Amino acid sequence: MPIFLLLLKLYSFRISVCFKWNFQAQQSIGYCPQFDALLTYLTGRETLEFYGRLRGLHGGLIRVEIERLLHELHLTHHADVAVKYYSGGQRRKLSVAVALLGDSPLLCLDEPTTGVDPISRRRVWSAIIRHNQRGRTVLLSSHSIEECEVLCSRVAIMVNGRFKCLGTCQHLKDRFGRGYNLAIQVSARPRSPSESIENSPNESRRSSGSDLLTASDTDMVASENPMCQVALNNVVSQTMRFVTQSFPEAQLIDRHQGLLQYHFPLPIRGSLDLGRIFRLIEENKSRLNVVNYSVCQTTLEQIFIDLAKLQQRSRADLPGVWSCFPIRCESCASCGCCGPSDP
């Protein structure tokens, strides 16, 4: 079953369930709220047993389930400690464990890893993935783009209570991405009086025989030797001329010391020739003193930021959203569920 993600907070909603099946519906949902709803005078083990019995678990089954979840979320050593002594991250993991109790087919997790340290966060992610692979659907609300890309098979972004896009991470990048970003890091050749660094046997061997300074090394030397900064500026200017002449469509978006970042907008017709970008840079890599470079799509984080900016607009401005962002999910070619068709 797929995992869904809401990147913006869901401020209000209403779900109607037939009263006849209300109890069955509740039994089918595991829920982790944004703010921990735990009884602080109970231990972690007692908390899981309490919620497990509410879900109808009993006997040996509940004990096996509790031990499995405690081990899965690395809470075994704190299982018999009162919740009031738990750290924020431990309480969050316990809330996730409560949601996972009972093998309910639907898990609703609201910011499950907020305040959790990186190692524990990955344990929580692994637990969610394992339960999803067992056939449980996960509805996840999160502001973490990293969490989105790790966990989610489909992503939905909400603006002012409405879905503005729905699809896989790659689908959103293809649909709303503004092109590709090129990052180039160059270095300067040491010049007098810093040539002494090159002539020093220890320093030259330390750099594996290379006579190039990295951008960070150049920053350090430039503070004491303006000549090094001049050399770096010359290399940067040469690189900028190369990019401008080779790729007229490239737009400089940032420059800091020896690091240049360019944006390549998607052409109106056809596609961007990525092979040509790599070929030309490789052919001129030595001449331009390129330390490293990378080419990547517009990140999901940037897409999220672009759409989140619409949250600040008034509802009167919302109709214009369609002209700025053609919104269509992967499966609405005929039904038009995501709004009007592209002009």
Protein backbone atom coordinates (compact mmCIF):
# COMPACT_ATOMS: atom_id res chain seq x y z
CA MET A 1 0.00 0.00 0.00
CA PRO A 2 1.30 3.49 -0.74
CA ILE A 3 2.49 6.04 1.77
CA PHE A 4 1.02 9.53 1.43
CA LEU A 5 2.50 12.78 2.71
CA LEU A 6 0.91 16.13 3.52
CA LEU A 7 3.67 18.72 3.51
CA LEU A 8 1.53 21.56 4.84
CA LYS A 9 -0.45 21.27 8.04
CA LEU A 10 -4.02 20.07 7.79
CA TYR A 11 -5.81 22.70 9.84
CA SER A 12 -9.34 21.36 9.52
CA PHE A 13 -11.11 18.43 7.94
CA ARG A 14 -14.23 16.31 8.26
CA ILE A 15 -14.56 12.61 7.58
CA SER A 16 -18.02 11.06 7.64
CA VAL A 17 -18.40 7.44 8.73
CA CYS A 18 -21.62 5.49 8.95
CA PHE A 19 -22.49 5.17 12.66
CA LYS A 20 -23.18 1.49 12.17
CA TRP A 21 -19.53 0.93 11.30
CA ASN A 22 -18.06 3.63 13.57
CA PHE A 23 -16.46 1.18 16.00
CA GLN A 24 -14.96 -0.90 13.20
CA ALA A 25 -13.55 2.25 11.60
CA GLN A 26 -11.88 3.29 14.86
CA GLN A 27 -10.37 -0.17 15.23
CA SER A 28 -8.87 0.16 11.76
CA ILE A 29 -6.87 3.33 12.50
CA GLY A 30 -3.61 3.75 14.39
CA TYR A 31 -2.97 7.40 15.26
CA CYS A 32 0.10 9.32 16.41
CA PRO A 33 -0.87 12.94 17.24
CA GLN A 34 1.45 15.88 16.70
CA PHE A 35 1.64 16.45 20.46
CA ASP A 36 2.23 13.42 22.67
CA ALA A 37 -0.92 12.16 24.43
CA LEU A 38 0.77 10.06 27.11
CA LEU A 39 0.02 9.41 30.78
CA THR A 40 3.25 10.54 32.43
CA TYR A 41 2.86 8.45 35.60
CA LEU A 42 2.80 5.19 33.62
CA THR A 43 5.94 3.46 32.40
CA GLY A 44 6.54 2.89 28.71
CA ARG A 45 5.57 -0.77 29.00
CA GLU A 46 2.40 0.08 30.97
CA THR A 47 1.49 2.72 28.38
CA LEU A 48 1.69 0.20 25.56
CA GLU A 49 -0.28 -2.36 27.55
CA PHE A 50 -2.95 0.24 28.38
CA TYR A 51 -3.45 1.26 24.74
CA GLY A 52 -3.11 -2.34 23.56
CA ARG A 53 -5.99 -3.47 25.77
CA LEU A 54 -8.08 -0.56 24.52
CA ARG A 55 -7.47 -1.92 21.03
CA GLY A 56 -8.63 -5.39 22.07
CA LEU A 57 -5.27 -7.11 22.49
CA HIS A 58 -4.94 -9.44 25.47
CA GLY A 59 -3.05 -12.39 26.90
CA GLY A 60 0.24 -13.51 25.43
CA LEU A 61 -0.43 -11.65 22.19
CA ILE A 62 -0.17 -8.22 23.80
CA ARG A 63 3.08 -9.10 25.60
CA VAL A 64 4.69 -10.31 22.38
CA GLU A 65 3.51 -7.19 20.53
CA ILE A 66 4.83 -4.86 23.25
CA GLU A 67 8.27 -6.49 23.35
CA ARG A 68 8.51 -6.37 19.57
CA LEU A 69 7.70 -2.65 19.42
CA LEU A 70 10.01 -1.79 22.31
CA HIS A 71 12.86 -3.54 20.52
CA GLU A 72 11.92 -2.12 17.13
CA LEU A 73 12.02 1.48 18.39
CA HIS A 74 14.95 0.93 20.76
CA LEU A 75 12.95 1.60 23.94
CA THR A 76 13.72 -1.66 25.75
CA HIS A 77 16.13 -0.06 28.25
CA HIS A 78 13.54 2.59 29.16
CA ALA A 79 10.48 0.34 29.15
CA ASP A 80 10.08 0.30 32.95
CA VAL A 81 10.83 4.01 33.50
CA ALA A 82 7.96 6.45 34.09
CA VAL A 83 7.11 8.47 31.00
CA LYS A 84 7.60 11.74 32.91
CA TYR A 85 11.34 10.99 32.93
CA TYR A 86 11.47 10.40 29.17
CA SER A 87 13.18 12.86 26.87
CA GLY A 88 11.17 14.50 24.10
CA GLY A 89 12.55 12.08 21.52
CA GLN A 90 11.74 9.04 23.67
CA ARG A 91 8.17 10.25 24.16
CA ARG A 92 7.85 10.69 20.42
CA LYS A 93 9.01 7.13 19.77
CA LEU A 94 6.58 5.83 22.38
CA SER A 95 3.74 7.70 20.65
CA VAL A 96 4.72 6.04 17.37
CA ALA A 97 4.77 2.65 19.12
CA VAL A 98 1.22 3.27 20.40
CA ALA A 99 0.10 3.99 16.82
CA LEU A 100 1.72 0.79 15.55
CA LEU A 101 -0.07 -1.40 18.11
CA GLY A 102 -2.66 -3.85 16.86
CA ASP A 103 -1.79 -4.10 13.16
CA SER A 104 -4.50 -1.63 12.13
CA PRO A 105 -4.62 -1.31 8.32
CA LEU A 106 -4.35 2.52 8.38
CA LEU A 107 -1.69 4.51 10.25
CA CYS A 108 -2.12 8.28 10.64
CA LEU A 109 1.16 9.82 11.78
CA ASP A 110 1.39 13.56 12.45
CA GLU A 111 5.02 14.76 12.58
CA PRO A 112 6.23 11.42 14.03
CA THR A 113 9.93 12.34 14.21
CA THR A 114 9.76 15.92 15.51
CA GLY A 115 12.37 16.38 18.23
CA VAL A 116 13.93 12.98 17.60
CA ASP A 117 17.72 12.65 17.23
CA PRO A 118 19.06 11.53 13.81
CA ILE A 119 19.83 7.93 14.84
CA SER A 120 16.43 7.40 16.45
CA ARG A 121 14.76 9.11 13.51
CA ARG A 122 16.14 6.49 11.16
CA ARG A 123 14.94 3.74 13.50
CA VAL A 124 11.45 5.21 13.35
CA TRP A 125 11.68 5.43 9.56
CA SER A 126 12.76 1.79 9.36
CA ALA A 127 9.84 0.74 11.56
CA ILE A 128 7.36 2.68 9.41
CA ILE A 129 8.78 1.14 6.23
CA ARG A 130 8.57 -2.38 7.66
CA HIS A 131 4.95 -1.93 8.68
CA ASN A 132 4.11 -0.44 5.30
CA GLN A 133 5.68 -3.43 3.57
CA ARG A 134 3.39 -5.68 5.62
CA GLY A 135 0.40 -4.09 3.90
CA ARG A 136 -0.43 -1.18 6.21
CA THR A 137 -1.25 2.16 4.58
CA VAL A 138 0.49 5.15 6.14
CA LEU A 139 -0.87 8.70 6.04
CA LEU A 140 2.01 10.92 7.11
CA SER A 141 2.07 14.65 7.84
CA SER A 142 5.55 16.15 7.89
CA HIS A 143 7.57 19.26 7.14
CA SER A 144 10.77 17.25 6.67
CA ILE A 145 11.66 17.01 2.99
CA GLU A 146 14.23 14.32 3.78
CA GLU A 147 11.55 12.29 5.55
CA CYS A 148 9.30 12.73 2.53
CA GLU A 149 11.84 11.40 0.06
CA VAL A 150 12.80 8.46 2.27
CA LEU A 151 9.31 7.25 3.19
CA CYS A 152 6.73 8.41 0.72
CA SER A 153 5.62 6.72 -2.46
CA ARG A 154 3.28 9.66 -3.14
CA VAL A 155 3.42 13.27 -2.02
CA ALA A 156 0.61 15.80 -1.65
CA ILE A 157 1.20 19.49 -0.95
CA MET A 158 -1.61 21.58 0.52
CA VAL A 159 -2.05 25.33 0.21
CA ASN A 160 -4.86 27.02 2.12
CA GLY A 161 -6.56 23.68 2.73
CA ARG A 162 -6.46 22.48 -0.88
CA PHE A 163 -4.32 19.92 -2.63
CA LYS A 164 -2.08 21.64 -5.16
CA CYS A 165 -0.24 18.56 -6.34
CA LEU A 166 -0.21 14.80 -5.89
CA GLY A 167 2.26 12.27 -7.22
CA THR A 168 5.62 10.63 -6.71
CA CYS A 169 8.64 12.72 -5.76
CA GLN A 170 10.02 12.37 -9.27
CA HIS A 171 6.65 13.30 -10.79
CA LEU A 172 6.59 16.53 -8.78
CA LYS A 173 10.16 17.36 -9.80
CA ASP A 174 9.30 16.77 -13.45
CA ARG A 175 6.02 18.69 -13.19
CA PHE A 176 7.00 21.67 -11.06
CA GLY A 177 10.77 21.69 -11.29
CA ARG A 178 12.18 24.79 -12.89
CA GLY A 179 15.16 23.09 -14.49
CA TYR A 180 18.58 22.00 -13.31
CA ASN A 181 21.19 23.51 -11.01
CA LEU A 182 24.92 23.44 -11.74
CA ALA A 183 27.44 23.92 -8.92
CA ILE A 184 31.12 24.39 -9.80
CA GLN A 185 33.91 24.68 -7.26
CA VAL A 186 37.22 26.03 -8.56
CA SER A 187 40.58 26.68 -6.91
CA ALA A 188 43.51 29.03 -7.50
CA ARG A 189 47.11 28.12 -8.22
CA PRO A 190 49.36 29.38 -5.42
CA ARG A 191 51.37 32.43 -6.34
CA SER A 192 54.20 34.26 -4.63
CA PRO A 193 54.61 34.71 -1.70
CA SER A 194 52.49 31.66 -0.95
CA GLU A 195 54.65 29.56 -3.25
CA SER A 196 56.51 28.57 -0.11
CA ILE A 197 53.59 26.29 0.64
CA GLU A 198 54.14 24.47 -2.63
CA ASN A 199 57.90 24.25 -2.02
CA SER A 200 57.42 22.74 1.43
CA PRO A 201 57.93 18.95 1.13
CA ASN A 202 55.52 18.10 3.93
CA GLU A 203 52.71 20.31 2.67
CA SER A 204 53.09 19.23 -0.95
CA ARG A 205 53.05 15.56 -0.01
CA ARG A 206 50.06 16.14 2.23
CA SER A 207 48.09 17.29 -0.79
CA SER A 208 49.20 14.20 -2.77
CA GLY A 209 51.47 16.25 -5.03
CA SER A 210 48.72 18.64 -6.17
CA ASP A 211 49.63 22.33 -6.55
CA LEU A 212 46.01 23.43 -6.19
CA LEU A 213 44.38 24.96 -3.14
CA THR A 214 40.80 24.11 -2.41
CA ALA A 215 38.27 26.89 -1.90
CA SER A 216 38.44 26.56 1.88
CA ASP A 217 42.27 26.62 1.83
CA THR A 218 42.19 29.67 -0.40
CA ASP A 219 39.89 31.49 2.02
CA MET A 220 42.40 30.91 4.80
CA VAL A 221 45.44 31.98 2.77
CA ALA A 222 43.64 34.95 1.21
CA SER A 223 43.06 36.50 4.63
CA GLU A 224 46.87 36.77 4.96
CA ASN A 225 47.82 37.10 1.31
CA PRO A 226 45.69 39.24 -1.03
CA MET A 227 47.58 37.80 -4.02
CA CYS A 228 45.91 34.47 -3.49
CA GLN A 229 42.50 36.15 -3.54
CA VAL A 230 43.41 37.90 -6.79
CA ALA A 231 44.41 34.56 -8.30
CA LEU A 232 41.13 33.00 -7.22
CA ASN A 233 39.14 35.91 -8.66
CA ASN A 234 40.91 35.44 -12.00
CA VAL A 235 40.04 31.73 -12.07
CA VAL A 236 36.43 32.47 -11.11
CA SER A 237 36.14 35.13 -13.84
CA GLN A 238 37.56 32.71 -16.39
CA THR A 239 35.07 30.04 -15.32
CA MET A 240 32.16 32.48 -15.50
CA ARG A 241 33.15 33.48 -19.06
CA PHE A 242 33.34 29.82 -20.02
CA VAL A 243 29.87 29.08 -18.65
CA THR A 244 28.37 32.19 -20.25
CA GLN A 245 29.85 31.39 -23.67
CA SER A 246 29.14 27.65 -23.56
CA PHE A 247 25.68 27.85 -21.98
CA PRO A 248 24.01 31.20 -22.76
CA GLU A 249 20.81 30.07 -21.02
CA ALA A 250 22.61 29.55 -17.68
CA GLN A 251 21.69 32.02 -14.92
CA LEU A 252 24.16 32.79 -12.12
CA ILE A 253 22.28 32.48 -8.83
CA ASP A 254 25.12 32.50 -6.30
CA ARG A 255 28.84 33.15 -6.05
CA HIS A 256 30.93 32.66 -2.94
CA GLN A 257 34.71 32.54 -3.20
CA GLY A 258 35.43 29.62 -5.51
CA LEU A 259 31.89 28.21 -5.57
CA LEU A 260 29.60 29.16 -8.45
CA GLN A 261 25.97 28.07 -8.72
CA TYR A 262 24.00 28.32 -11.96
CA HIS A 263 20.42 27.57 -12.89
CA PHE A 264 19.45 26.06 -16.24
CA PRO A 265 15.75 26.71 -16.98
CA LEU A 266 13.93 24.04 -18.90
CA PRO A 267 13.62 24.92 -22.61
CA ILE A 268 10.17 25.68 -23.96
CA ARG A 269 10.60 22.96 -26.55
CA GLY A 270 12.71 19.86 -26.35
CA SER A 271 14.81 18.94 -23.34
CA LEU A 272 18.02 20.10 -21.72
CA ASP A 273 21.12 18.43 -23.16
CA LEU A 274 22.74 17.19 -19.95
CA GLY A 275 25.32 15.18 -21.88
CA ARG A 276 26.68 18.36 -23.45
CA ILE A 277 27.01 20.03 -20.04
CA PHE A 278 29.04 17.14 -18.64
CA ARG A 279 31.16 16.82 -21.78
CA LEU A 280 32.18 20.49 -21.96
CA ILE A 281 32.98 20.70 -18.26
CA GLU A 282 35.06 17.52 -18.39
CA GLU A 283 36.96 18.79 -21.43
CA ASN A 284 37.81 22.07 -19.66
CA LYS A 285 38.12 20.78 -16.11
CA SER A 286 41.92 21.05 -15.91
CA ARG A 287 42.10 24.41 -17.66
CA LEU A 288 39.53 25.94 -15.29
CA ASN A 289 40.99 24.33 -12.14
CA VAL A 290 37.64 22.69 -11.34
CA VAL A 291 37.85 20.83 -8.04
CA ASN A 292 34.37 19.30 -8.34
CA TYR A 293 31.01 20.00 -9.90
CA SER A 294 27.47 18.66 -9.78
CA VAL A 295 24.30 18.85 -11.84
CA CYS A 296 20.95 18.15 -10.18
CA GLN A 297 17.25 18.70 -10.70
CA THR A 298 15.35 21.34 -8.79
CA THR A 299 15.03 19.84 -5.33
CA LEU A 300 11.74 18.84 -3.77
CA GLU A 301 12.51 21.32 -1.01
CA GLN A 302 12.58 24.19 -3.51
CA ILE A 303 9.27 23.03 -5.00
CA PHE A 304 7.79 22.94 -1.51
CA ILE A 305 9.06 26.45 -0.76
CA ASP A 306 7.66 27.80 -4.04
CA LEU A 307 4.21 26.36 -3.33
CA ALA A 308 4.33 27.29 0.36
CA LYS A 309 4.74 30.95 -0.62
CA LEU A 310 1.16 30.81 -1.87
CA GLN A 311 0.06 30.15 1.73
CA GLN A 312 0.71 33.81 2.50
CA ARG A 313 -1.59 35.05 -0.25
CA SER A 314 -5.23 35.91 0.30
CA ARG A 315 -7.97 33.69 -1.08
CA ALA A 316 -8.74 36.38 -3.65
CA ASP A 317 -5.36 35.66 -5.26
CA LEU A 318 -5.84 31.89 -5.44
CA PRO A 319 -7.48 31.70 -8.90
CA GLY A 320 -4.24 32.97 -10.41
CA VAL A 321 -2.41 29.97 -9.01
CA TRP A 322 -3.52 27.85 -11.94
CA SER A 323 -1.74 30.10 -14.43
CA CYS A 324 1.49 29.96 -12.43
CA PHE A 325 1.45 26.27 -11.53
CA PRO A 326 -0.37 23.91 -13.88
CA ILE A 327 -1.68 21.40 -11.37
CA ARG A 328 -2.49 17.88 -12.51
CA CYS A 329 -1.99 14.64 -10.63
CA GLU A 330 -0.82 11.52 -12.42
CA SER A 331 -4.27 9.96 -12.71
CA CYS A 332 -6.51 12.92 -13.58
CA ALA A 333 -6.04 12.99 -17.33
CA SER A 334 -9.76 12.49 -17.81
CA CYS A 335 -11.49 13.33 -14.52
CA GLY A 336 -9.95 16.76 -13.96
CA CYS A 337 -9.91 16.25 -10.20
CA CYS A 338 -6.90 18.51 -9.72
CA GLY A 339 -8.30 21.59 -11.43
CA PRO A 340 -8.55 22.96 -14.96
CA SER A 341 -6.46 21.51 -17.74
CA ASP A 342 -3.27 23.16 -18.90
CA PRO A 343 -3.91 26.06 -21.25
